[in-house]
Amino acid sequence: MRDISLIVRRVWKSAFMFTALSVLIVSATQAQDVVEGRKLFKDNCGSCHTLDRNSTGPALTPKLNELDEAFAIKWIKNWKALVASGDQQAIEASKFSPAEMTTFPRLTDDQIKNIIAYAKAGEPKKEGEAAVSATTGSDEVSSFSIAGIAAIILVSIVILVVLGRAIKMLERLILKRQGVELAEEVPFSTGIKRLFKNKKFVFFFILCLIVCLGSFGWMGMWETGVHTGYQPVQPIKFSHELHAGTNKIDCQYCHAGAFKSKNSTIPSMNVCMNCHKSVQATEKYDGEISPEIQKIYNAVGYDPATMSYDKSKEKPVEWVRVHNLPDFAYFNHSQHVVVGEEAIRKEKGLQPNEPVCFACHGPVDTMEEIYQYSPLTMKWCINCHKDTKLEVKGNAFYDKVIETHEKIKKGEKITPAALGGLECGKCHY
């Protein structure tokens, strides 16, 4: 009986440790899969797909719940090859949208599985509503998933503890009936003290603690300076959804600098007054001027009653910057939205009616308040530069480069000015 008791006790302890570690490892792996899947989704799929509603492409969460994972992987990697092979399901799926979906042969099966895991898990919830994980400021799994994982771990521990106590009580009862004298049961607190005097247990405990803290520390450092989802409160509640979405105002009407300079520029208040001198949204406020439009009037010192300006009352609007690159990083808007427009459009799968700005800033026309859509990390930029195919034919920028290259082959004199050396942005950041 004592041998059985020892075997049961050893099995129980082993099972306890194995179960706890397995649950922790599996849950951590699944959580990381969802986090990685979210990053991949934002970088590759977000311009055409949303999780819960049809856009250029179908809503991904319900669609991926319907599809077989093996088919989904093949479809995402190269749907054209799947259609060409005569796969009936692929042929039907290709009829969803007239816009051609981008193929992703560079993604591995594991990366696509991570995207699927994220799409099925969905975005975290914020005050009962679906929040763009982008509003959290970091890549996190949903609080519901975390609570579920914690509950599984706790329930497993409780079950194992209860089973252990039950086995121990049965052993003592059997031994007592057999007339075996039993020592008094060691109090729980004493057992804990003994446990922490066990060198092997202490070593294992410290090792697990170091691994956990190291993992959280590594993930924290990896996300340092990454502000995906950053959405500060602005002094005036300007709705991009209303202006760019509902009213279809072109991006360059307000951000004219993006098409001819390094910076996109913040529009001056006179640009706002072009419309809001007459547009006052009084129908929504019982005949009163909209409070947000009134803030514009206050900034420029405008009196709507007399339709006159008072310069002494002017004060700047202190907008809060959303997209902010490090000082050592040089980014030229015009180089991307003019020179690289066609190449970026094809790479990101943008529609003709969608501005190229959406490639980095996301679907601005659906944002009530603007937030940072893309991570804007060096890795994110480098991946785009690796994957985007340049459209050089008929592009004046590359025509000039080719012309200069021909002069070099002929041995003619070439100056820095011929290669853009007179551009202000070369020296003045």
Protein backbone atom coordinates (compact mmCIF):
# COMPACT_ATOMS: atom_id res chain seq x y z
CA MET A 1 0.00 0.00 0.00
CA ARG A 2 2.85 2.38 0.84
CA ASP A 3 4.37 1.69 -2.60
CA ILE A 4 1.04 2.53 -4.25
CA SER A 5 0.83 5.68 -2.18
CA LEU A 6 4.30 6.79 -3.22
CA ILE A 7 3.58 6.04 -6.89
CA VAL A 8 0.26 7.94 -6.77
CA ARG A 9 1.90 10.89 -5.04
CA ARG A 10 4.70 11.04 -7.58
CA VAL A 11 2.28 10.74 -10.48
CA TRP A 12 0.11 13.46 -9.00
CA LYS A 13 3.02 15.84 -8.56
CA SER A 14 4.30 15.14 -12.05
CA ALA A 15 0.83 15.59 -13.52
CA PHE A 16 0.39 18.85 -11.62
CA MET A 17 3.66 20.32 -12.85
CA PHE A 18 3.15 19.06 -16.41
CA THR A 19 -0.42 20.41 -16.62
CA ALA A 20 0.48 23.80 -15.21
CA LEU A 21 3.49 24.22 -17.49
CA SER A 22 1.58 22.93 -20.53
CA VAL A 23 -1.29 25.35 -19.97
CA LEU A 24 1.11 28.25 -19.46
CA ILE A 25 3.15 27.41 -22.55
CA VAL A 26 0.11 26.77 -24.77
CA SER A 27 -1.70 29.88 -23.59
CA ALA A 28 1.40 32.03 -24.03
CA THR A 29 1.97 30.59 -27.50
CA GLN A 30 -1.65 31.16 -28.53
CA ALA A 31 -1.58 34.72 -27.21
CA GLN A 32 1.64 35.42 -29.09
CA ASP A 33 0.15 33.89 -32.26
CA VAL A 34 -2.76 36.34 -32.05
CA VAL A 35 -0.44 39.30 -31.42
CA GLU A 36 1.79 38.33 -34.36
CA GLY A 37 -1.30 37.69 -36.50
CA ARG A 38 -2.58 41.18 -35.73
CA LYS A 39 0.70 42.75 -36.88
CA LEU A 40 0.66 40.72 -40.09
CA PHE A 41 -3.01 41.57 -40.70
CA LYS A 42 -2.39 45.30 -40.32
CA ASP A 43 0.66 45.19 -42.61
CA ASN A 44 -0.80 42.99 -45.34
CA CYS A 45 -4.59 42.73 -45.17
CA GLY A 46 -5.90 45.87 -43.44
CA SER A 47 -6.14 48.05 -46.54
CA CYS A 48 -8.82 45.81 -48.10
CA HIS A 49 -10.31 43.80 -45.22
CA THR A 50 -11.94 44.44 -41.88
CA LEU A 51 -12.81 41.75 -39.36
CA ASP A 52 -16.56 42.31 -38.97
CA ARG A 53 -17.86 43.95 -42.15
CA ASN A 54 -17.46 43.69 -45.89
CA SER A 55 -15.09 46.21 -47.46
CA THR A 56 -13.08 45.80 -50.66
CA GLY A 57 -12.83 42.19 -49.53
CA PRO A 58 -15.23 40.16 -47.35
CA ALA A 59 -15.38 40.41 -43.54
CA LEU A 60 -12.60 38.07 -42.41
CA THR A 61 -13.88 36.75 -39.08
CA PRO A 62 -17.07 35.07 -40.40
CA LYS A 63 -15.39 34.08 -43.67
CA LEU A 64 -12.41 32.34 -42.02
CA ASN A 65 -14.73 30.60 -39.57
CA GLU A 66 -16.48 29.08 -42.61
CA LEU A 67 -13.38 28.10 -44.61
CA ASP A 68 -11.14 25.11 -44.10
CA GLU A 69 -7.75 26.31 -42.80
CA ALA A 70 -5.78 24.40 -45.45
CA PHE A 71 -7.80 26.07 -48.22
CA ALA A 72 -7.44 29.50 -46.57
CA ILE A 73 -3.65 29.13 -46.47
CA LYS A 74 -3.47 28.21 -50.16
CA TRP A 75 -5.89 31.02 -51.09
CA ILE A 76 -3.94 33.73 -49.22
CA LYS A 77 -0.59 32.56 -50.57
CA ASN A 78 -1.60 32.49 -54.23
CA TRP A 79 -5.30 32.56 -55.03
CA LYS A 80 -4.58 32.98 -58.75
CA ALA A 81 -2.80 29.62 -58.91
CA LEU A 82 -5.68 28.03 -56.98
CA VAL A 83 -8.25 29.41 -59.44
CA ALA A 84 -6.08 28.34 -62.39
CA SER A 85 -5.97 24.80 -61.01
CA GLY A 86 -9.77 24.60 -61.41
CA ASP A 87 -10.63 24.57 -57.69
CA GLN A 88 -14.38 25.27 -57.66
CA GLN A 89 -14.36 26.85 -54.21
CA ALA A 90 -11.58 29.23 -55.29
CA ILE A 91 -13.44 30.15 -58.49
CA GLU A 92 -16.56 31.05 -56.48
CA ALA A 93 -14.54 33.03 -53.95
CA SER A 94 -12.84 35.05 -56.70
CA LYS A 95 -16.23 36.46 -57.75
CA PHE A 96 -16.70 38.40 -54.48
CA SER A 97 -15.03 41.62 -55.67
CA PRO A 98 -13.97 42.95 -59.08
CA ALA A 99 -10.73 44.14 -57.45
CA GLU A 100 -7.90 41.64 -57.65
CA MET A 101 -6.59 40.49 -54.30
CA THR A 102 -2.82 40.73 -53.76
CA THR A 103 -1.02 37.38 -53.54
CA PHE A 104 1.29 36.74 -50.58
CA PRO A 105 3.78 34.00 -51.55
CA ARG A 106 6.29 35.51 -49.11
CA LEU A 107 4.13 34.63 -46.09
CA THR A 108 4.86 31.27 -44.47
CA ASP A 109 2.14 28.82 -43.45
CA ASP A 110 2.74 29.67 -39.79
CA GLN A 111 2.37 33.39 -40.46
CA ILE A 112 -0.92 32.83 -42.28
CA LYS A 113 -2.11 30.63 -39.41
CA ASN A 114 -1.33 33.53 -37.06
CA ILE A 115 -3.43 35.86 -39.22
CA ILE A 116 -6.29 33.35 -39.12
CA ALA A 117 -5.93 33.03 -35.33
CA TYR A 118 -6.16 36.82 -34.97
CA ALA A 119 -9.15 37.07 -37.34
CA LYS A 120 -11.02 34.39 -35.39
CA ALA A 121 -10.14 35.90 -31.99
CA GLY A 122 -11.16 39.38 -33.15
CA GLU A 123 -10.21 42.77 -31.72
CA PRO A 124 -10.21 43.46 -27.98
CA LYS A 125 -13.34 45.07 -26.60
CA LYS A 126 -13.40 48.61 -25.29
CA GLU A 127 -16.39 49.62 -23.12
CA GLY A 128 -18.62 47.07 -24.78
CA GLU A 129 -17.80 48.08 -28.33
CA ALA A 130 -15.40 46.70 -30.88
CA ALA A 131 -12.26 48.78 -30.59
CA VAL A 132 -9.61 49.01 -33.21
CA SER A 133 -6.75 47.36 -31.38
CA ALA A 134 -5.22 50.37 -32.65
CA THR A 135 -6.89 52.34 -29.85
CA THR A 136 -4.99 50.50 -27.15
CA GLY A 137 -1.57 51.84 -28.09
CA SER A 138 0.02 48.36 -28.13
CA ASP A 139 -0.45 44.89 -29.61
CA GLU A 140 -2.55 43.02 -27.07
CA VAL A 141 -4.85 40.02 -27.10
CA SER A 142 -8.40 40.65 -25.89
CA SER A 143 -9.10 40.83 -22.16
CA PHE A 144 -11.65 38.05 -22.64
CA SER A 145 -8.94 35.72 -23.97
CA ILE A 146 -6.62 36.57 -21.07
CA ALA A 147 -9.43 35.98 -18.56
CA GLY A 148 -10.23 32.64 -20.22
CA ILE A 149 -6.61 31.50 -20.06
CA ALA A 150 -6.34 32.55 -16.40
CA ALA A 151 -9.58 30.71 -15.61
CA ILE A 152 -8.31 27.51 -17.26
CA ILE A 153 -5.09 27.67 -15.24
CA LEU A 154 -6.93 28.30 -11.95
CA VAL A 155 -9.50 25.55 -12.57
CA SER A 156 -6.73 23.09 -13.45
CA ILE A 157 -4.83 23.93 -10.27
CA VAL A 158 -7.97 23.64 -8.10
CA ILE A 159 -8.90 20.27 -9.64
CA LEU A 160 -5.40 18.90 -9.14
CA VAL A 161 -5.25 20.15 -5.54
CA VAL A 162 -8.68 18.67 -4.71
CA LEU A 163 -7.74 15.34 -6.30
CA GLY A 164 -4.47 15.31 -4.39
CA ARG A 165 -6.21 15.96 -1.08
CA ALA A 166 -8.82 13.28 -1.83
CA ILE A 167 -6.14 10.71 -2.66
CA LYS A 168 -4.27 11.56 0.53
CA MET A 169 -7.41 11.22 2.67
CA LEU A 170 -8.24 7.83 1.11
CA GLU A 171 -4.71 6.59 1.75
CA ARG A 172 -4.87 7.61 5.40
CA LEU A 173 -8.30 6.02 5.81
CA ILE A 174 -7.13 2.68 4.33
CA LEU A 175 -3.97 2.63 6.43
CA LYS A 176 -5.95 3.48 9.58
CA ARG A 177 -8.34 0.56 8.99
CA GLN A 178 -5.36 -1.72 8.55
CA GLY A 179 -4.13 -0.69 11.98
CA VAL A 180 -1.16 1.29 10.76
CA GLU A 181 -0.22 4.13 13.07
CA LEU A 182 -0.12 7.42 11.22
CA ALA A 183 1.85 10.50 12.07
CA GLU A 184 -0.07 13.72 12.47
CA GLU A 185 -0.71 15.49 9.20
CA VAL A 186 1.71 18.31 8.51
CA PRO A 187 -0.05 21.71 8.46
CA PHE A 188 -0.28 23.38 5.07
CA SER A 189 1.93 26.34 6.10
CA THR A 190 4.62 23.95 7.31
CA GLY A 191 4.43 22.04 4.04
CA ILE A 192 4.93 25.28 2.10
CA LYS A 193 7.97 26.13 4.22
CA ARG A 194 9.43 22.70 3.59
CA LEU A 195 8.73 23.05 -0.10
CA PHE A 196 10.72 26.28 -0.31
CA LYS A 197 13.59 24.61 1.53
CA ASN A 198 13.81 22.10 -1.30
CA LYS A 199 16.69 23.29 -3.49
CA LYS A 200 15.33 21.69 -6.66
CA PHE A 201 11.94 23.36 -6.23
CA VAL A 202 13.51 26.74 -5.45
CA PHE A 203 15.75 26.47 -8.53
CA PHE A 204 12.77 25.54 -10.74
CA PHE A 205 10.65 28.37 -9.27
CA ILE A 206 13.39 30.98 -9.83
CA LEU A 207 13.99 29.68 -13.36
CA CYS A 208 10.28 30.03 -14.24
CA LEU A 209 10.22 33.51 -12.68
CA ILE A 210 13.25 34.60 -14.73
CA VAL A 211 11.74 33.20 -17.95
CA CYS A 212 8.39 34.96 -17.33
CA LEU A 213 9.91 38.31 -16.34
CA GLY A 214 12.42 38.08 -19.18
CA SER A 215 9.64 37.40 -21.71
CA PHE A 216 7.51 40.31 -20.51
CA GLY A 217 10.57 42.56 -20.41
CA TRP A 218 11.60 41.57 -23.92
CA MET A 219 8.10 42.17 -25.30
CA GLY A 220 7.95 45.50 -23.49
CA MET A 221 11.29 46.66 -24.90
CA TRP A 222 10.33 45.42 -28.38
CA GLU A 223 7.24 47.65 -28.30
CA THR A 224 9.12 50.71 -26.97
CA GLY A 225 8.54 53.64 -29.29
CA VAL A 226 5.85 51.80 -31.30
CA HIS A 227 2.67 53.85 -31.07
CA THR A 228 0.22 51.90 -33.23
CA GLY A 229 -3.26 53.01 -32.22
CA TYR A 230 -2.12 56.26 -30.59
CA GLN A 231 -5.17 58.52 -30.56
CA PRO A 232 -4.68 61.74 -28.59
CA VAL A 233 -7.50 64.11 -27.72
CA GLN A 234 -7.38 67.09 -30.08
CA PRO A 235 -8.39 70.67 -29.19
CA ILE A 236 -11.01 70.56 -31.96
CA LYS A 237 -12.92 67.36 -32.68
CA PHE A 238 -12.23 67.23 -36.39
CA SER A 239 -13.94 64.25 -38.03
CA HIS A 240 -12.05 62.75 -40.97
CA GLU A 241 -14.99 60.39 -41.48
CA LEU A 242 -17.29 63.37 -42.12
CA HIS A 243 -14.90 65.42 -44.26
CA ALA A 244 -12.93 62.78 -46.20
CA GLY A 245 -15.61 60.07 -46.09
CA THR A 246 -19.09 61.60 -46.26
CA ASN A 247 -18.15 64.86 -48.02
CA LYS A 248 -15.41 63.28 -50.19
CA ILE A 249 -12.96 66.15 -49.65
CA ASP A 250 -9.62 65.29 -51.26
CA CYS A 251 -6.71 64.85 -48.86
CA GLN A 252 -4.56 67.38 -50.70
CA TYR A 253 -7.15 70.11 -50.22
CA CYS A 254 -6.07 70.32 -46.58
CA HIS A 255 -2.68 68.56 -46.70
CA ALA A 256 -1.30 70.14 -49.88
CA GLY A 257 2.30 69.75 -48.74
CA ALA A 258 2.18 65.97 -49.04
CA PHE A 259 2.23 66.26 -52.84
CA LYS A 260 5.12 68.70 -53.17
CA SER A 261 7.29 68.60 -50.06
CA LYS A 262 8.73 66.47 -47.28
CA ASN A 263 5.91 67.32 -44.85
CA SER A 264 2.18 66.90 -45.40
CA THR A 265 1.60 70.22 -43.52
CA ILE A 266 -1.17 71.07 -41.10
CA PRO A 267 -3.86 73.16 -42.84
CA SER A 268 -4.12 76.75 -41.68
CA MET A 269 -7.39 78.00 -40.24
CA ASN A 270 -8.19 79.98 -43.39
CA VAL A 271 -8.57 76.63 -45.20
CA CYS A 272 -11.25 75.67 -42.65
CA MET A 273 -12.89 79.08 -43.02
CA ASN A 274 -13.27 78.58 -46.78
CA CYS A 275 -16.23 76.35 -45.93
CA HIS A 276 -17.12 77.11 -42.34
CA LYS A 277 -17.72 80.77 -42.90
CA SER A 278 -21.08 79.58 -44.19
CA VAL A 279 -21.28 75.96 -42.95
CA GLN A 280 -22.14 76.23 -39.23
CA ALA A 281 -24.17 73.04 -38.56
CA THR A 282 -26.86 75.11 -36.83
CA GLU A 283 -29.50 72.53 -37.79
CA LYS A 284 -27.94 70.08 -35.33
CA TYR A 285 -27.75 72.50 -32.39
CA ASP A 286 -31.17 74.15 -32.29
CA GLY A 287 -30.06 77.13 -34.35
CA GLU A 288 -26.80 77.61 -32.48
CA ILE A 289 -23.38 77.35 -34.14
CA SER A 290 -21.65 74.01 -33.62
CA PRO A 291 -19.32 74.24 -30.57
CA GLU A 292 -16.45 72.79 -32.63
CA ILE A 293 -16.94 75.31 -35.44
CA GLN A 294 -17.11 78.06 -32.82
CA LYS A 295 -13.61 76.99 -31.71
CA ILE A 296 -12.41 77.71 -35.27
CA TYR A 297 -14.01 81.17 -35.10
CA ASN A 298 -12.32 81.81 -31.75
CA ALA A 299 -8.95 80.78 -33.18
CA VAL A 300 -9.14 83.26 -36.08
CA GLY A 301 -10.98 85.98 -34.14
CA TYR A 302 -14.06 85.78 -36.36
CA ASP A 303 -17.41 87.24 -35.35
CA PRO A 304 -20.18 85.40 -37.29
CA ALA A 305 -22.73 88.11 -36.42
CA THR A 306 -20.79 90.93 -38.12
CA MET A 307 -18.77 88.60 -40.40
CA SER A 308 -15.60 90.46 -39.42
CA TYR A 309 -12.18 89.47 -38.06
CA ASP A 310 -10.43 90.84 -35.00
CA LYS A 311 -6.69 90.09 -35.17
CA SER A 312 -6.21 90.86 -31.48
CA LYS A 313 -8.34 87.82 -30.62
CA GLU A 314 -6.43 85.38 -32.82
CA LYS A 315 -4.80 82.41 -31.08
CA PRO A 316 -3.22 79.27 -32.56
CA VAL A 317 -4.90 75.88 -32.34
CA GLU A 318 -2.56 73.57 -30.41
CA TRP A 319 -3.00 70.37 -32.41
CA VAL A 320 -1.46 67.21 -30.91
CA ARG A 321 0.85 65.42 -33.32
CA VAL A 322 -0.20 61.82 -34.04
CA HIS A 323 2.42 60.47 -36.47
CA ASN A 324 5.91 61.21 -35.22
CA LEU A 325 9.08 59.65 -36.66
CA PRO A 326 12.42 59.78 -34.82
CA ASP A 327 14.57 62.82 -35.60
CA PHE A 328 17.17 60.65 -37.32
CA ALA A 329 14.61 59.19 -39.77
CA TYR A 330 14.07 61.12 -43.01
CA PHE A 331 10.74 60.60 -44.75
CA ASN A 332 9.61 62.53 -47.80
CA HIS A 333 5.86 62.55 -48.46
CA SER A 334 6.10 63.71 -52.07
CA GLN A 335 8.56 60.92 -52.91
CA HIS A 336 5.91 58.39 -51.93
CA VAL A 337 2.59 59.97 -52.92
CA VAL A 338 3.81 61.31 -56.29
CA VAL A 339 6.84 59.33 -57.46
CA GLY A 340 5.84 56.05 -55.85
CA GLU A 341 2.07 56.39 -56.12
CA GLU A 342 1.37 53.70 -58.73
CA ALA A 343 3.78 51.20 -57.19
CA ILE A 344 2.32 51.68 -53.71
CA ARG A 345 -1.23 51.40 -55.03
CA LYS A 346 -0.52 48.03 -56.63
CA GLU A 347 1.38 46.68 -53.62
CA LYS A 348 -1.32 47.71 -51.12
CA GLY A 349 -4.27 46.86 -53.40
CA LEU A 350 -5.83 50.34 -53.22
CA GLN A 351 -8.86 51.15 -55.33
CA PRO A 352 -8.79 54.02 -57.90
CA ASN A 353 -11.06 56.12 -55.66
CA GLU A 354 -8.83 55.61 -52.59
CA PRO A 355 -5.99 58.09 -52.04
CA VAL A 356 -2.49 56.65 -51.78
CA CYS A 357 -2.38 58.12 -48.25
CA PHE A 358 -4.43 55.10 -47.09
CA ALA A 359 -1.40 52.84 -47.63
CA CYS A 360 0.27 54.20 -44.49
CA HIS A 361 -2.46 56.11 -42.67
CA GLY A 362 -5.16 53.47 -43.09
CA PRO A 363 -8.84 54.08 -43.97
CA VAL A 364 -8.86 57.71 -42.83
CA ASP A 365 -12.30 58.21 -44.37
CA THR A 366 -13.78 55.95 -41.66
CA MET A 367 -11.97 57.53 -38.68
CA GLU A 368 -14.12 59.76 -36.51
CA GLU A 369 -10.93 60.75 -34.68
CA ILE A 370 -7.56 60.18 -36.33
CA TYR A 371 -5.21 57.57 -34.86
CA GLN A 372 -1.91 55.99 -35.88
CA TYR A 373 -2.88 53.08 -38.09
CA SER A 374 0.53 51.63 -39.04
CA PRO A 375 3.45 50.86 -36.70
CA LEU A 376 5.86 53.09 -38.69
CA THR A 377 8.78 50.98 -37.50
CA MET A 378 11.98 50.50 -39.51
CA LYS A 379 11.04 46.86 -40.13
CA TRP A 380 7.63 47.90 -41.48
CA CYS A 381 9.21 50.40 -43.89
CA ILE A 382 11.95 47.99 -44.99
CA ASN A 383 9.42 45.23 -45.72
CA CYS A 384 7.46 47.64 -47.92
CA HIS A 385 10.63 48.67 -49.77
CA LYS A 386 11.51 45.01 -50.31
CA ASP A 387 8.11 44.00 -51.66
CA THR A 388 6.98 47.00 -53.71
CA LYS A 389 7.70 46.74 -57.42
CA LEU A 390 8.80 50.07 -58.89
CA GLU A 391 6.86 51.45 -61.85
CA VAL A 392 9.60 53.20 -63.83
CA LYS A 393 8.00 53.45 -67.26
CA GLY A 394 6.67 56.93 -67.94
CA ASN A 395 7.77 58.15 -64.50
CA ALA A 396 9.58 61.48 -64.86
CA PHE A 397 11.71 60.83 -61.79
CA TYR A 398 13.15 57.59 -63.15
CA ASP A 399 13.37 59.01 -66.68
CA LYS A 400 15.77 61.57 -65.25
CA VAL A 401 17.77 58.86 -63.47
CA ILE A 402 18.05 56.82 -66.69
CA GLU A 403 19.06 59.92 -68.65
CA THR A 404 21.82 60.65 -66.11
CA HIS A 405 22.96 57.03 -66.23
CA GLU A 406 23.30 57.23 -70.02
CA LYS A 407 25.48 60.32 -69.64
CA ILE A 408 27.69 58.45 -67.15
CA LYS A 409 28.18 55.63 -69.69
CA LYS A 410 29.22 58.19 -72.32
CA GLY A 411 31.74 59.72 -69.91
CA GLU A 412 30.00 63.08 -69.76
CA LYS A 413 30.29 65.36 -66.76
CA ILE A 414 27.70 64.65 -64.06
CA THR A 415 27.11 66.97 -61.12
CA PRO A 416 25.16 66.36 -57.88
CA ALA A 417 22.57 68.79 -59.22
CA ALA A 418 21.65 66.27 -61.93
CA LEU A 419 20.84 63.72 -59.25
CA GLY A 420 18.61 65.93 -57.16
CA GLY A 421 21.40 67.70 -55.29
CA LEU A 422 19.53 71.02 -55.44
CA GLU A 423 16.46 69.71 -53.60
CA CYS A 424 15.97 71.55 -50.32
CA GLY A 425 15.21 68.34 -48.43
CA LYS A 426 18.66 66.93 -49.16
CA CYS A 427 20.11 69.24 -46.52
CA HIS A 428 17.19 70.87 -44.71
CA TYR A 429 15.24 68.28 -42.75
